[in-house]
Amino acid sequence: MTDKDYEMAVKICIPPELQSYTKNMATVEVNGSTIGECLQELFRQYADLQQTVPPTGFQIYKANAADEPIFSWDSDRPLRDGEELTLSFISGCC
């Protein structure tokens, strides 16, 4: 079994102003081993969301972590199975 054979489930918390793009879901579960993979999966599931979330106008945080926020769709920062991410807009952007 390779790393690609095992997809990790990650939850992404969606802010209220974007939940209309996720069928009013506050949390979406995606599979991926990096933040970039998880965002790509989120945008695959909810294509209209990708048109709304600009590549540089958002932040994504790992829940309960002191990590710096991520500002890139293609981040290769690794994730563990069951981790939770929080998506938010940058204040005053877009």
N, C-alpha and C. Protein backbone atom coordinates (compact mmCIF):
# COMPACT_ATOMS: atom_id res chain seq x y z
N MET A 1 0.84 -1.18 0.00
CA MET A 1 0.00 0.00 0.00
C MET A 1 0.89 1.24 0.00
N THR A 2 0.65 2.15 -0.91
CA THR A 2 1.43 3.39 -0.98
C THR A 2 0.67 4.51 -0.31
N ASP A 3 1.35 5.66 -0.12
CA ASP A 3 0.69 6.82 0.49
C ASP A 3 -0.52 7.25 -0.32
N LYS A 4 -0.45 7.12 -1.64
CA LYS A 4 -1.57 7.53 -2.50
C LYS A 4 -2.75 6.58 -2.37
N ASP A 5 -2.51 5.33 -1.94
CA ASP A 5 -3.60 4.38 -1.77
C ASP A 5 -4.46 4.73 -0.56
N TYR A 6 -3.89 5.43 0.38
CA TYR A 6 -4.60 5.77 1.60
C TYR A 6 -4.90 7.27 1.59
N GLU A 7 -6.16 7.60 1.38
CA GLU A 7 -6.56 9.00 1.38
C GLU A 7 -7.00 9.38 2.79
N MET A 8 -6.50 10.50 3.26
CA MET A 8 -6.84 10.95 4.59
C MET A 8 -8.05 11.87 4.55
N ALA A 9 -8.95 11.69 5.49
CA ALA A 9 -10.12 12.53 5.60
C ALA A 9 -9.78 13.78 6.42
N VAL A 10 -10.08 14.93 5.85
CA VAL A 10 -9.82 16.21 6.49
C VAL A 10 -11.10 17.03 6.42
N LYS A 11 -11.42 17.73 7.49
CA LYS A 11 -12.61 18.59 7.51
C LYS A 11 -12.18 20.03 7.27
N ILE A 12 -12.94 20.73 6.42
CA ILE A 12 -12.69 22.14 6.17
C ILE A 12 -13.92 22.92 6.64
N CYS A 13 -13.72 23.82 7.58
CA CYS A 13 -14.79 24.67 8.09
C CYS A 13 -14.98 25.84 7.11
N ILE A 14 -16.20 26.02 6.68
CA ILE A 14 -16.54 27.03 5.68
C ILE A 14 -17.19 28.22 6.38
N PRO A 15 -16.73 29.45 6.13
CA PRO A 15 -17.35 30.61 6.78
C PRO A 15 -18.78 30.82 6.28
N PRO A 16 -19.64 31.40 7.10
CA PRO A 16 -21.05 31.58 6.74
C PRO A 16 -21.26 32.26 5.38
N GLU A 17 -20.42 33.23 5.04
CA GLU A 17 -20.62 33.96 3.79
C GLU A 17 -20.33 33.10 2.55
N LEU A 18 -19.72 31.91 2.73
CA LEU A 18 -19.44 31.03 1.60
C LEU A 18 -20.28 29.75 1.61
N GLN A 19 -21.09 29.56 2.63
CA GLN A 19 -21.83 28.31 2.76
C GLN A 19 -22.88 28.12 1.67
N SER A 20 -23.31 29.18 1.02
CA SER A 20 -24.26 29.01 -0.09
C SER A 20 -23.61 28.25 -1.24
N TYR A 21 -22.28 28.25 -1.33
CA TYR A 21 -21.56 27.52 -2.37
C TYR A 21 -21.34 26.06 -2.01
N THR A 22 -21.56 25.71 -0.74
CA THR A 22 -21.36 24.33 -0.27
C THR A 22 -22.68 23.71 0.18
N LYS A 23 -23.76 24.11 -0.46
CA LYS A 23 -25.09 23.59 -0.14
C LYS A 23 -25.42 23.83 1.33
N ASN A 24 -25.02 25.01 1.83
CA ASN A 24 -25.26 25.46 3.21
C ASN A 24 -24.58 24.58 4.26
N MET A 25 -23.53 23.89 3.86
CA MET A 25 -22.78 23.07 4.81
C MET A 25 -21.69 23.92 5.46
N ALA A 26 -21.62 23.88 6.80
CA ALA A 26 -20.61 24.63 7.54
C ALA A 26 -19.26 23.90 7.55
N THR A 27 -19.30 22.59 7.37
CA THR A 27 -18.09 21.78 7.35
C THR A 27 -18.18 20.80 6.18
N VAL A 28 -17.09 20.72 5.43
CA VAL A 28 -17.03 19.82 4.28
C VAL A 28 -15.87 18.85 4.51
N GLU A 29 -16.10 17.58 4.26
CA GLU A 29 -15.03 16.59 4.40
C GLU A 29 -14.43 16.31 3.03
N VAL A 30 -13.11 16.35 2.96
CA VAL A 30 -12.38 16.08 1.72
C VAL A 30 -11.26 15.10 2.03
N ASN A 31 -10.64 14.56 0.99
CA ASN A 31 -9.51 13.65 1.14
C ASN A 31 -8.27 14.29 0.56
N GLY A 32 -7.16 14.11 1.23
CA GLY A 32 -5.88 14.61 0.75
C GLY A 32 -4.84 14.52 1.84
N SER A 33 -3.58 14.55 1.44
CA SER A 33 -2.50 14.46 2.43
C SER A 33 -1.80 15.80 2.65
N THR A 34 -2.13 16.81 1.83
CA THR A 34 -1.58 18.15 2.02
C THR A 34 -2.72 19.16 1.96
N ILE A 35 -2.45 20.37 2.42
CA ILE A 35 -3.47 21.42 2.35
C ILE A 35 -3.86 21.68 0.90
N GLY A 36 -2.88 21.71 0.00
CA GLY A 36 -3.17 21.94 -1.41
C GLY A 36 -4.08 20.88 -2.00
N GLU A 37 -3.81 19.61 -1.69
CA GLU A 37 -4.65 18.53 -2.19
C GLU A 37 -6.07 18.66 -1.67
N CYS A 38 -6.20 19.03 -0.40
CA CYS A 38 -7.53 19.18 0.19
C CYS A 38 -8.30 20.34 -0.45
N LEU A 39 -7.61 21.45 -0.70
CA LEU A 39 -8.28 22.57 -1.36
C LEU A 39 -8.68 22.20 -2.78
N GLN A 40 -7.83 21.48 -3.49
CA GLN A 40 -8.19 21.05 -4.84
C GLN A 40 -9.43 20.17 -4.82
N GLU A 41 -9.52 19.28 -3.84
CA GLU A 41 -10.68 18.41 -3.71
C GLU A 41 -11.93 19.23 -3.36
N LEU A 42 -11.78 20.20 -2.47
CA LEU A 42 -12.90 21.08 -2.12
C LEU A 42 -13.42 21.79 -3.36
N PHE A 43 -12.51 22.34 -4.17
CA PHE A 43 -12.90 23.06 -5.37
C PHE A 43 -13.44 22.12 -6.44
N ARG A 44 -13.01 20.86 -6.44
CA ARG A 44 -13.58 19.90 -7.38
C ARG A 44 -15.03 19.60 -7.02
N GLN A 45 -15.29 19.47 -5.72
CA GLN A 45 -16.65 19.19 -5.26
C GLN A 45 -17.57 20.39 -5.42
N TYR A 46 -17.03 21.59 -5.25
CA TYR A 46 -17.82 22.82 -5.28
C TYR A 46 -17.13 23.83 -6.19
N ALA A 47 -17.30 23.62 -7.51
CA ALA A 47 -16.59 24.42 -8.51
C ALA A 47 -16.87 25.91 -8.39
N ASP A 48 -18.10 26.28 -8.07
CA ASP A 48 -18.43 27.71 -7.94
C ASP A 48 -17.65 28.36 -6.80
N LEU A 49 -17.31 27.60 -5.80
CA LEU A 49 -16.54 28.13 -4.68
C LEU A 49 -15.16 28.60 -5.15
N GLN A 50 -14.54 27.87 -6.05
CA GLN A 50 -13.22 28.25 -6.54
C GLN A 50 -13.27 29.60 -7.25
N GLN A 51 -14.37 29.90 -7.93
CA GLN A 51 -14.50 31.18 -8.61
C GLN A 51 -14.66 32.33 -7.61
N THR A 52 -15.09 32.00 -6.40
CA THR A 52 -15.34 33.00 -5.36
C THR A 52 -14.14 33.23 -4.46
N VAL A 53 -13.37 32.20 -4.22
CA VAL A 53 -12.21 32.29 -3.32
C VAL A 53 -10.97 32.57 -4.17
N PRO A 54 -10.48 33.81 -4.16
CA PRO A 54 -9.32 34.13 -4.98
C PRO A 54 -8.05 33.49 -4.44
N PRO A 55 -7.07 33.23 -5.31
CA PRO A 55 -5.84 32.56 -4.87
C PRO A 55 -5.09 33.30 -3.77
N THR A 56 -5.25 34.62 -3.68
CA THR A 56 -4.51 35.39 -2.67
C THR A 56 -5.42 36.11 -1.69
N GLY A 57 -6.71 35.90 -1.73
CA GLY A 57 -7.62 36.64 -0.86
C GLY A 57 -8.20 35.83 0.27
N PHE A 58 -7.51 34.80 0.68
CA PHE A 58 -8.03 33.96 1.76
C PHE A 58 -6.89 33.50 2.66
N GLN A 59 -7.27 32.96 3.80
CA GLN A 59 -6.33 32.30 4.71
C GLN A 59 -6.94 30.96 5.06
N ILE A 60 -6.10 29.99 5.31
CA ILE A 60 -6.59 28.73 5.83
C ILE A 60 -5.71 28.35 7.01
N TYR A 61 -6.35 27.97 8.08
CA TYR A 61 -5.65 27.62 9.32
C TYR A 61 -5.89 26.17 9.65
N LYS A 62 -4.91 25.56 10.27
CA LYS A 62 -5.11 24.25 10.88
C LYS A 62 -5.71 24.50 12.26
N ALA A 63 -6.82 23.87 12.54
CA ALA A 63 -7.49 24.07 13.82
C ALA A 63 -6.60 23.63 14.97
N ASN A 64 -6.64 24.38 16.05
CA ASN A 64 -5.89 24.07 17.26
C ASN A 64 -4.39 23.94 17.02
N ALA A 65 -3.86 24.76 16.15
CA ALA A 65 -2.42 24.71 15.87
C ALA A 65 -1.85 26.12 15.87
N ALA A 66 -0.60 26.22 16.21
CA ALA A 66 0.07 27.52 16.23
C ALA A 66 0.73 27.83 14.89
N ASP A 67 0.40 27.04 13.87
CA ASP A 67 1.00 27.25 12.55
C ASP A 67 0.59 28.60 11.97
N GLU A 68 1.45 29.13 11.13
CA GLU A 68 1.12 30.33 10.39
C GLU A 68 0.00 30.01 9.41
N PRO A 69 -0.84 30.99 9.09
CA PRO A 69 -1.90 30.72 8.11
C PRO A 69 -1.30 30.44 6.73
N ILE A 70 -2.06 29.72 5.92
CA ILE A 70 -1.67 29.38 4.56
C ILE A 70 -2.38 30.35 3.63
N PHE A 71 -1.67 30.84 2.63
CA PHE A 71 -2.26 31.78 1.69
C PHE A 71 -2.24 31.26 0.26
N SER A 72 -1.94 30.00 0.05
CA SER A 72 -1.76 29.48 -1.30
C SER A 72 -2.59 28.22 -1.52
N TRP A 73 -3.24 28.14 -2.68
CA TRP A 73 -4.02 26.96 -3.03
C TRP A 73 -3.16 25.73 -3.16
N ASP A 74 -1.89 25.89 -3.47
CA ASP A 74 -1.06 24.71 -3.76
C ASP A 74 -0.08 24.39 -2.63
N SER A 75 -0.42 24.76 -1.41
CA SER A 75 0.46 24.49 -0.28
C SER A 75 0.73 22.99 -0.15
N ASP A 76 1.99 22.65 0.08
CA ASP A 76 2.34 21.25 0.27
C ASP A 76 2.51 20.91 1.74
N ARG A 77 1.98 21.76 2.62
CA ARG A 77 2.05 21.48 4.06
C ARG A 77 1.26 20.21 4.36
N PRO A 78 1.90 19.23 4.98
CA PRO A 78 1.23 17.95 5.23
C PRO A 78 0.14 18.03 6.29
N LEU A 79 -0.80 17.11 6.18
CA LEU A 79 -1.89 16.99 7.14
C LEU A 79 -1.95 15.56 7.66
N ARG A 80 -2.59 15.41 8.81
CA ARG A 80 -2.83 14.08 9.37
C ARG A 80 -4.31 13.74 9.21
N ASP A 81 -4.60 12.48 9.17
CA ASP A 81 -5.98 12.02 9.08
C ASP A 81 -6.80 12.62 10.21
N GLY A 82 -7.96 13.17 9.88
CA GLY A 82 -8.86 13.72 10.88
C GLY A 82 -8.61 15.18 11.23
N GLU A 83 -7.58 15.80 10.64
CA GLU A 83 -7.33 17.20 10.97
C GLU A 83 -8.45 18.09 10.44
N GLU A 84 -8.54 19.27 11.02
CA GLU A 84 -9.57 20.22 10.63
C GLU A 84 -8.92 21.52 10.21
N LEU A 85 -9.39 22.06 9.09
CA LEU A 85 -8.91 23.33 8.57
C LEU A 85 -10.04 24.35 8.64
N THR A 86 -9.68 25.62 8.77
CA THR A 86 -10.66 26.69 8.76
C THR A 86 -10.31 27.67 7.65
N LEU A 87 -11.26 27.88 6.75
CA LEU A 87 -11.09 28.79 5.62
C LEU A 87 -11.66 30.14 6.00
N SER A 88 -10.94 31.22 5.71
CA SER A 88 -11.49 32.57 5.99
C SER A 88 -10.95 33.54 4.97
N PHE A 89 -11.70 34.62 4.76
CA PHE A 89 -11.24 35.70 3.88
C PHE A 89 -10.30 36.61 4.65
N ILE A 90 -9.41 37.26 3.92
CA ILE A 90 -8.54 38.26 4.52
C ILE A 90 -9.35 39.56 4.60
N SER A 91 -9.40 40.13 5.75
CA SER A 91 -10.18 41.36 5.96
C SER A 91 -9.72 42.45 5.01
N GLY A 92 -10.69 43.06 4.34
CA GLY A 92 -10.39 44.18 3.43
C GLY A 92 -9.93 43.73 2.06
N CYS A 93 -9.85 42.43 1.82
CA CYS A 93 -9.41 41.94 0.52
C CYS A 93 -10.62 41.55 -0.31
N CYS A 94 -10.48 41.72 -1.61
CA CYS A 94 -11.46 41.24 -2.57
C CYS A 94 -12.75 41.97 -2.44
